[in-house]
Amino acid sequence: MDQYGHLQHIQALQAHAAILAFTSKSAYIDIIEEYLEEIPPFPDTTTVNCHQWRECRDLALLAVFYGAGVKVSQARRLKRNAIAKSCNFVRVSQGPVNHDVFVEILATSRRALAQWVRLLGRLKVPGECLFPVAPDGRPMHASSIFRRVRMRLEQIGIAEGQVDRLSPQTLRNTYAAIRLDRGEHIDMVGAPWDCRTRYHPCGIGVLTWFGARRNDLFRGRQ
């Protein structure tokens, strides 16, 4: 991206700052975290119906976007062994050469992901895909992931007045904002995505842009 292109990118982010993220002072963060903390145990069986499958999978999707800040394309490629046994970290392939990086999973998301991995094992779902569309092991399409995450956010009460914010990207940006708000250095937050400088030319430079304009982030109902 040339200097002019970068300037356009920054101006676009400034113009749409209100839809970038929920922050730790937002009531919407409280809704998501309370939901993830109070989830019931996943079915302890070797068979599930379609409704149970979607409920468990979609909850795990919400957990990985909110709790690890991955992109949709990365979520589609995640394998089951990418989740650490402790559920503290997830291994994500990054960049054109697909080198592996280890990303911290927020504590509130770990239980949902751990239960999902165990359920896949009990059901003996074929393949290695972490988020199959069905128990036959086929990976989900990106559009399906976007739609299911949006539906889940609507179900837990974040739809009112926040339609433009209901996306995996908002949850990804929120993950970065939470880590910044708890005092982590901007380079530590952006390092797993190679966003170590404020003017990184890649599109995900929004993570480093947070450091300069945090007061412009969406703060919801306080």
C-alpha atoms as a PDB file:
ATOM      1  CA  MET A   1       0.000   0.000   0.000  1.00  0.00           C
ATOM      2  CA  ASP A   2       1.509   3.370  -0.994  1.00  0.00           C
ATOM      3  CA  GLN A   3       1.423   6.459   1.233  1.00  0.00           C
ATOM      4  CA  TYR A   4      -1.765   7.766  -0.400  1.00  0.00           C
ATOM      5  CA  GLY A   5      -3.458   4.394  -0.051  1.00  0.00           C
ATOM      6  CA  HIS A   6      -2.449   4.210   3.595  1.00  0.00           C
ATOM      7  CA  LEU A   7      -3.877   7.677   4.220  1.00  0.00           C
ATOM      8  CA  GLN A   8      -7.178   6.599   2.686  1.00  0.00           C
ATOM      9  CA  HIS A   9      -7.147   3.519   4.926  1.00  0.00           C
ATOM     10  CA  ILE A  10      -6.659   5.628   8.074  1.00  0.00           C
ATOM     11  CA  GLN A  11      -9.332   8.119   7.013  1.00  0.00           C
ATOM     12  CA  ALA A  12     -11.788   5.289   6.415  1.00  0.00           C
ATOM     13  CA  LEU A  13     -11.096   3.890   9.879  1.00  0.00           C
ATOM     14  CA  GLN A  14     -11.610   7.304  11.443  1.00  0.00           C
ATOM     15  CA  ALA A  15     -14.895   7.757   9.589  1.00  0.00           C
ATOM     16  CA  HIS A  16     -16.188   4.399  10.822  1.00  0.00           C
ATOM     17  CA  ALA A  17     -14.582   4.250  14.260  1.00  0.00           C
ATOM     18  CA  ALA A  18     -17.968   3.736  15.902  1.00  0.00           C
ATOM     19  CA  ILE A  19     -18.345   0.245  14.441  1.00  0.00           C
ATOM     20  CA  LEU A  20     -14.863  -1.055  15.196  1.00  0.00           C
ATOM     21  CA  ALA A  21     -15.283  -2.700  18.574  1.00  0.00           C
ATOM     22  CA  PHE A  22     -17.047  -3.107  21.842  1.00  0.00           C
ATOM     23  CA  THR A  23     -14.702  -2.046  24.648  1.00  0.00           C
ATOM     24  CA  SER A  24     -14.281  -3.327  28.173  1.00  0.00           C
ATOM     25  CA  LYS A  25     -16.504  -0.506  29.515  1.00  0.00           C
ATOM     26  CA  SER A  26     -19.372  -1.458  27.230  1.00  0.00           C
ATOM     27  CA  ALA A  27     -22.490  -3.202  28.510  1.00  0.00           C
ATOM     28  CA  TYR A  28     -22.265  -5.478  25.482  1.00  0.00           C
ATOM     29  CA  ILE A  29     -19.010  -6.928  26.778  1.00  0.00           C
ATOM     30  CA  ASP A  30     -20.800  -7.789  30.018  1.00  0.00           C
ATOM     31  CA  ILE A  31     -23.549  -9.564  28.049  1.00  0.00           C
ATOM     32  CA  ILE A  32     -21.074 -11.665  26.056  1.00  0.00           C
ATOM     33  CA  GLU A  33     -18.924 -12.582  29.047  1.00  0.00           C
ATOM     34  CA  GLU A  34     -21.897 -13.466  31.238  1.00  0.00           C
ATOM     35  CA  TYR A  35     -23.250 -15.643  28.431  1.00  0.00           C
ATOM     36  CA  LEU A  36     -19.947 -17.495  27.978  1.00  0.00           C
ATOM     37  CA  GLU A  37     -19.468 -17.953  31.729  1.00  0.00           C
ATOM     38  CA  GLU A  38     -22.950 -19.388  32.314  1.00  0.00           C
ATOM     39  CA  ILE A  39     -23.203 -21.859  29.435  1.00  0.00           C
ATOM     40  CA  PRO A  40     -24.633 -25.241  30.425  1.00  0.00           C
ATOM     41  CA  PRO A  41     -22.566 -28.396  29.919  1.00  0.00           C
ATOM     42  CA  PHE A  42     -22.512 -29.719  26.367  1.00  0.00           C
ATOM     43  CA  PRO A  43     -24.336 -33.037  25.740  1.00  0.00           C
ATOM     44  CA  ASP A  44     -22.436 -35.927  27.302  1.00  0.00           C
ATOM     45  CA  THR A  45     -23.549 -38.377  24.618  1.00  0.00           C
ATOM     46  CA  THR A  46     -22.279 -39.982  21.433  1.00  0.00           C
ATOM     47  CA  THR A  47     -25.134 -38.594  19.328  1.00  0.00           C
ATOM     48  CA  VAL A  48     -26.723 -35.144  19.014  1.00  0.00           C
ATOM     49  CA  ASN A  49     -29.568 -33.780  16.933  1.00  0.00           C
ATOM     50  CA  CYS A  50     -29.153 -30.934  14.434  1.00  0.00           C
ATOM     51  CA  HIS A  51     -30.284 -28.283  16.900  1.00  0.00           C
ATOM     52  CA  GLN A  52     -27.851 -29.431  19.596  1.00  0.00           C
ATOM     53  CA  TRP A  53     -25.008 -29.544  17.059  1.00  0.00           C
ATOM     54  CA  ARG A  54     -25.585 -25.987  15.859  1.00  0.00           C
ATOM     55  CA  GLU A  55     -26.035 -24.641  19.394  1.00  0.00           C
ATOM     56  CA  CYS A  56     -22.733 -26.097  20.593  1.00  0.00           C
ATOM     57  CA  ARG A  57     -20.769 -25.246  17.450  1.00  0.00           C
ATOM     58  CA  ASP A  58     -22.054 -21.674  17.261  1.00  0.00           C
ATOM     59  CA  LEU A  59     -21.220 -21.093  20.902  1.00  0.00           C
ATOM     60  CA  ALA A  60     -17.664 -22.293  20.242  1.00  0.00           C
ATOM     61  CA  LEU A  61     -17.466 -19.976  17.212  1.00  0.00           C
ATOM     62  CA  LEU A  62     -18.492 -17.012  19.334  1.00  0.00           C
ATOM     63  CA  ALA A  63     -15.870 -18.037  21.897  1.00  0.00           C
ATOM     64  CA  VAL A  64     -13.012 -18.248  19.396  1.00  0.00           C
ATOM     65  CA  PHE A  65     -13.744 -14.881  17.751  1.00  0.00           C
ATOM     66  CA  TYR A  66     -14.297 -13.052  21.031  1.00  0.00           C
ATOM     67  CA  GLY A  67     -11.687 -14.934  23.019  1.00  0.00           C
ATOM     68  CA  ALA A  68      -8.852 -15.249  20.496  1.00  0.00           C
ATOM     69  CA  GLY A  69      -9.456 -12.578  17.858  1.00  0.00           C
ATOM     70  CA  VAL A  70      -9.046 -14.887  14.879  1.00  0.00           C
ATOM     71  CA  LYS A  71     -10.274 -14.025  11.398  1.00  0.00           C
ATOM     72  CA  VAL A  72     -13.034 -15.962   9.646  1.00  0.00           C
ATOM     73  CA  SER A  73     -10.543 -17.400   7.162  1.00  0.00           C
ATOM     74  CA  GLN A  74      -8.379 -18.610  10.041  1.00  0.00           C
ATOM     75  CA  ALA A  75     -11.327 -20.099  11.915  1.00  0.00           C
ATOM     76  CA  ARG A  76     -12.261 -22.134   8.819  1.00  0.00           C
ATOM     77  CA  ARG A  77      -8.755 -23.635   8.710  1.00  0.00           C
ATOM     78  CA  LEU A  78      -8.358 -24.343  12.417  1.00  0.00           C
ATOM     79  CA  LYS A  79      -7.729 -27.959  13.333  1.00  0.00           C
ATOM     80  CA  ARG A  80      -8.782 -29.548  16.580  1.00  0.00           C
ATOM     81  CA  ASN A  81      -5.215 -29.911  17.798  1.00  0.00           C
ATOM     82  CA  ALA A  82      -4.761 -26.146  17.415  1.00  0.00           C
ATOM     83  CA  ILE A  83      -6.425 -25.644  20.810  1.00  0.00           C
ATOM     84  CA  ALA A  84      -3.959 -26.209  23.630  1.00  0.00           C
ATOM     85  CA  LYS A  85      -5.007 -28.843  26.165  1.00  0.00           C
ATOM     86  CA  SER A  86      -5.182 -26.112  28.787  1.00  0.00           C
ATOM     87  CA  CYS A  87      -7.246 -23.991  26.365  1.00  0.00           C
ATOM     88  CA  ASN A  88      -4.963 -21.053  27.176  1.00  0.00           C
ATOM     89  CA  PHE A  89      -3.743 -20.672  23.592  1.00  0.00           C
ATOM     90  CA  VAL A  90      -4.746 -21.437  20.029  1.00  0.00           C
ATOM     91  CA  ARG A  91      -2.264 -22.100  17.230  1.00  0.00           C
ATOM     92  CA  VAL A  92      -3.148 -20.052  14.151  1.00  0.00           C
ATOM     93  CA  SER A  93      -1.574 -20.082  10.685  1.00  0.00           C
ATOM     94  CA  GLN A  94      -0.660 -16.548   9.648  1.00  0.00           C
ATOM     95  CA  GLY A  95       0.700 -14.857   6.536  1.00  0.00           C
ATOM     96  CA  PRO A  96       1.419 -16.016   2.981  1.00  0.00           C
ATOM     97  CA  VAL A  97       3.787 -18.733   4.191  1.00  0.00           C
ATOM     98  CA  ASN A  98       1.289 -19.955   6.833  1.00  0.00           C
ATOM     99  CA  HIS A  99       3.714 -19.780   9.750  1.00  0.00           C
ATOM    100  CA  ASP A 100       2.171 -20.749  13.086  1.00  0.00           C
ATOM    101  CA  VAL A 101       1.598 -18.214  15.850  1.00  0.00           C
ATOM    102  CA  PHE A 102       0.222 -18.829  19.336  1.00  0.00           C
ATOM    103  CA  VAL A 103      -2.595 -16.540  20.425  1.00  0.00           C
ATOM    104  CA  GLU A 104      -3.851 -16.219  23.985  1.00  0.00           C
ATOM    105  CA  ILE A 105      -7.456 -17.284  24.588  1.00  0.00           C
ATOM    106  CA  LEU A 106      -9.325 -15.076  27.050  1.00  0.00           C
ATOM    107  CA  ALA A 107     -10.393 -16.937  30.190  1.00  0.00           C
ATOM    108  CA  THR A 108     -14.128 -16.498  29.555  1.00  0.00           C
ATOM    109  CA  SER A 109     -13.881 -18.373  26.241  1.00  0.00           C
ATOM    110  CA  ARG A 110     -11.877 -21.380  27.356  1.00  0.00           C
ATOM    111  CA  ARG A 111     -14.714 -23.480  28.782  1.00  0.00           C
ATOM    112  CA  ALA A 112     -16.830 -23.323  25.626  1.00  0.00           C
ATOM    113  CA  LEU A 113     -13.891 -24.294  23.403  1.00  0.00           C
ATOM    114  CA  ALA A 114     -12.810 -27.121  25.705  1.00  0.00           C
ATOM    115  CA  GLN A 115     -16.325 -28.573  25.747  1.00  0.00           C
ATOM    116  CA  TRP A 116     -16.581 -28.314  21.951  1.00  0.00           C
ATOM    117  CA  VAL A 117     -13.313 -30.175  21.377  1.00  0.00           C
ATOM    118  CA  ARG A 118     -14.421 -32.933  23.764  1.00  0.00           C
ATOM    119  CA  LEU A 119     -17.805 -33.187  22.045  1.00  0.00           C
ATOM    120  CA  LEU A 120     -16.162 -33.626  18.640  1.00  0.00           C
ATOM    121  CA  GLY A 121     -14.137 -36.464  20.113  1.00  0.00           C
ATOM    122  CA  ARG A 122     -17.167 -38.195  21.649  1.00  0.00           C
ATOM    123  CA  LEU A 123     -19.077 -37.936  18.380  1.00  0.00           C
ATOM    124  CA  LYS A 124     -16.059 -39.282  16.458  1.00  0.00           C
ATOM    125  CA  VAL A 125     -16.466 -36.581  13.805  1.00  0.00           C
ATOM    126  CA  PRO A 126     -14.166 -37.483  10.881  1.00  0.00           C
ATOM    127  CA  GLY A 127     -11.338 -35.223   9.783  1.00  0.00           C
ATOM    128  CA  GLU A 128      -9.462 -32.566  11.710  1.00  0.00           C
ATOM    129  CA  CYS A 129     -11.636 -29.475  11.119  1.00  0.00           C
ATOM    130  CA  LEU A 130     -12.436 -27.634  14.357  1.00  0.00           C
ATOM    131  CA  PHE A 131     -15.688 -26.139  13.068  1.00  0.00           C
ATOM    132  CA  PRO A 132     -17.433 -28.598  10.719  1.00  0.00           C
ATOM    133  CA  VAL A 133     -20.750 -27.676   9.180  1.00  0.00           C
ATOM    134  CA  ALA A 134     -22.162 -31.043  10.323  1.00  0.00           C
ATOM    135  CA  PRO A 135     -21.024 -34.276  12.049  1.00  0.00           C
ATOM    136  CA  ASP A 136     -19.748 -35.524   8.685  1.00  0.00           C
ATOM    137  CA  GLY A 137     -16.706 -33.268   9.120  1.00  0.00           C
ATOM    138  CA  ARG A 138     -17.176 -30.857   6.191  1.00  0.00           C
ATOM    139  CA  PRO A 139     -15.760 -27.356   6.868  1.00  0.00           C
ATOM    140  CA  MET A 140     -18.110 -24.392   7.056  1.00  0.00           C
ATOM    141  CA  HIS A 141     -18.287 -21.698   4.389  1.00  0.00           C
ATOM    142  CA  ALA A 142     -17.192 -18.214   5.422  1.00  0.00           C
ATOM    143  CA  SER A 143     -20.667 -16.811   4.779  1.00  0.00           C
ATOM    144  CA  SER A 144     -22.189 -19.450   7.060  1.00  0.00           C
ATOM    145  CA  ILE A 145     -19.770 -18.565   9.861  1.00  0.00           C
ATOM    146  CA  PHE A 146     -20.613 -14.884   9.547  1.00  0.00           C
ATOM    147  CA  ARG A 147     -24.348 -15.618   9.569  1.00  0.00           C
ATOM    148  CA  ARG A 148     -24.238 -17.986  12.541  1.00  0.00           C
ATOM    149  CA  VAL A 149     -22.166 -15.608  14.680  1.00  0.00           C
ATOM    150  CA  ARG A 150     -24.495 -12.747  13.862  1.00  0.00           C
ATOM    151  CA  MET A 151     -27.527 -14.843  14.781  1.00  0.00           C
ATOM    152  CA  ARG A 152     -25.953 -15.816  18.090  1.00  0.00           C
ATOM    153  CA  LEU A 153     -25.209 -12.193  18.976  1.00  0.00           C
ATOM    154  CA  GLU A 154     -28.801 -11.297  18.160  1.00  0.00           C
ATOM    155  CA  GLN A 155     -30.047 -14.121  20.364  1.00  0.00           C
ATOM    156  CA  ILE A 156     -28.158 -12.889  23.410  1.00  0.00           C
ATOM    157  CA  GLY A 157     -29.511  -9.360  23.087  1.00  0.00           C
ATOM    158  CA  ILE A 158     -26.947  -7.293  21.208  1.00  0.00           C
ATOM    159  CA  ALA A 159     -29.041  -6.624  18.116  1.00  0.00           C
ATOM    160  CA  GLU A 160     -30.857  -3.492  19.253  1.00  0.00           C
ATOM    161  CA  GLY A 161     -29.180  -0.509  17.602  1.00  0.00           C
ATOM    162  CA  GLN A 162     -26.008  -2.478  16.860  1.00  0.00           C
ATOM    163  CA  VAL A 163     -26.773  -4.194  13.549  1.00  0.00           C
ATOM    164  CA  ASP A 164     -23.599  -2.976  11.839  1.00  0.00           C
ATOM    165  CA  ARG A 165     -21.488  -4.291  14.703  1.00  0.00           C
ATOM    166  CA  LEU A 166     -22.737  -7.865  14.705  1.00  0.00           C
ATOM    167  CA  SER A 167     -19.840  -9.609  12.988  1.00  0.00           C
ATOM    168  CA  PRO A 168     -16.775 -11.754  13.706  1.00  0.00           C
ATOM    169  CA  GLN A 169     -14.620  -8.742  12.793  1.00  0.00           C
ATOM    170  CA  THR A 170     -16.136  -6.670  15.598  1.00  0.00           C
ATOM    171  CA  LEU A 171     -15.374  -9.504  18.032  1.00  0.00           C
ATOM    172  CA  ARG A 172     -11.814  -9.703  16.668  1.00  0.00           C
ATOM    173  CA  ASN A 173     -11.320  -5.980  17.191  1.00  0.00           C
ATOM    174  CA  THR A 174     -12.895  -6.243  20.634  1.00  0.00           C
ATOM    175  CA  TYR A 175     -10.344  -8.901  21.593  1.00  0.00           C
ATOM    176  CA  ALA A 176      -7.549  -6.462  20.761  1.00  0.00           C
ATOM    177  CA  ALA A 177      -9.256  -3.620  22.630  1.00  0.00           C
ATOM    178  CA  ILE A 178      -9.672  -5.777  25.762  1.00  0.00           C
ATOM    179  CA  ARG A 179      -5.981  -6.651  25.804  1.00  0.00           C
ATOM    180  CA  LEU A 180      -5.025  -3.005  25.330  1.00  0.00           C
ATOM    181  CA  ASP A 181      -7.402  -1.949  28.098  1.00  0.00           C
ATOM    182  CA  ARG A 182      -5.769  -4.328  30.541  1.00  0.00           C
ATOM    183  CA  GLY A 183      -2.440  -2.604  29.966  1.00  0.00           C
ATOM    184  CA  GLU A 184      -0.665  -4.783  27.411  1.00  0.00           C
ATOM    185  CA  HIS A 185       1.691  -2.996  25.038  1.00  0.00           C
ATOM    186  CA  ILE A 186       0.352  -2.456  21.559  1.00  0.00           C
ATOM    187  CA  ASP A 187       3.243  -4.430  20.035  1.00  0.00           C
ATOM    188  CA  MET A 188       2.377  -7.452  22.187  1.00  0.00           C
ATOM    189  CA  VAL A 189      -1.253  -7.304  21.081  1.00  0.00           C
ATOM    190  CA  GLY A 190      -0.430  -6.945  17.385  1.00  0.00           C
ATOM    191  CA  ALA A 191       2.558  -9.289  17.211  1.00  0.00           C
ATOM    192  CA  PRO A 192       0.590 -12.502  16.489  1.00  0.00           C
ATOM    193  CA  TRP A 193      -0.829 -10.825  13.386  1.00  0.00           C
ATOM    194  CA  ASP A 194       2.460  -9.163  12.353  1.00  0.00           C
ATOM    195  CA  CYS A 195       0.990  -5.755  13.263  1.00  0.00           C
ATOM    196  CA  ARG A 196       3.943  -4.461  15.211  1.00  0.00           C
ATOM    197  CA  THR A 197       4.040  -0.932  13.811  1.00  0.00           C
ATOM    198  CA  ARG A 198       1.334   1.690  13.752  1.00  0.00           C
ATOM    199  CA  TYR A 199       1.671   2.097   9.994  1.00  0.00           C
ATOM    200  CA  HIS A 200       1.769  -1.539   8.978  1.00  0.00           C
ATOM    201  CA  PRO A 201       0.511  -1.711   5.368  1.00  0.00           C
ATOM    202  CA  CYS A 202      -1.782  -4.685   5.828  1.00  0.00           C
ATOM    203  CA  GLY A 203      -5.503  -4.265   6.358  1.00  0.00           C
ATOM    204  CA  ILE A 204      -5.387  -5.692   9.870  1.00  0.00           C
ATOM    205  CA  GLY A 205      -3.385  -2.644  10.909  1.00  0.00           C
ATOM    206  CA  VAL A 206      -6.594  -1.628  12.681  1.00  0.00           C
ATOM    207  CA  LEU A 207      -5.187  -3.444  15.707  1.00  0.00           C
ATOM    208  CA  THR A 208      -2.295  -1.016  15.967  1.00  0.00           C
ATOM    209  CA  TRP A 209      -4.512   1.906  15.044  1.00  0.00           C
ATOM    210  CA  PHE A 210      -6.395   1.263  18.297  1.00  0.00           C
ATOM    211  CA  GLY A 211      -3.367   2.517  20.196  1.00  0.00           C
ATOM    212  CA  ALA A 212      -3.635   6.003  18.717  1.00  0.00           C
ATOM    213  CA  ARG A 213      -7.405   6.461  18.763  1.00  0.00           C
ATOM    214  CA  ARG A 214      -8.776   4.402  21.634  1.00  0.00           C
ATOM    215  CA  ASN A 215     -11.070   7.243  22.721  1.00  0.00           C
ATOM    216  CA  ASP A 216     -12.899   6.921  19.407  1.00  0.00           C
ATOM    217  CA  LEU A 217     -13.859   3.292  19.982  1.00  0.00           C
ATOM    218  CA  PHE A 218     -17.481   2.354  20.427  1.00  0.00           C
ATOM    219  CA  ARG A 219     -18.380   2.253  24.123  1.00  0.00           C
ATOM    220  CA  GLY A 220     -22.058   1.324  24.006  1.00  0.00           C
ATOM    221  CA  ARG A 221     -24.274   1.747  27.043  1.00  0.00           C
ATOM    222  CA  GLN A 222     -22.204   2.489  30.135  1.00  0.00           C
END
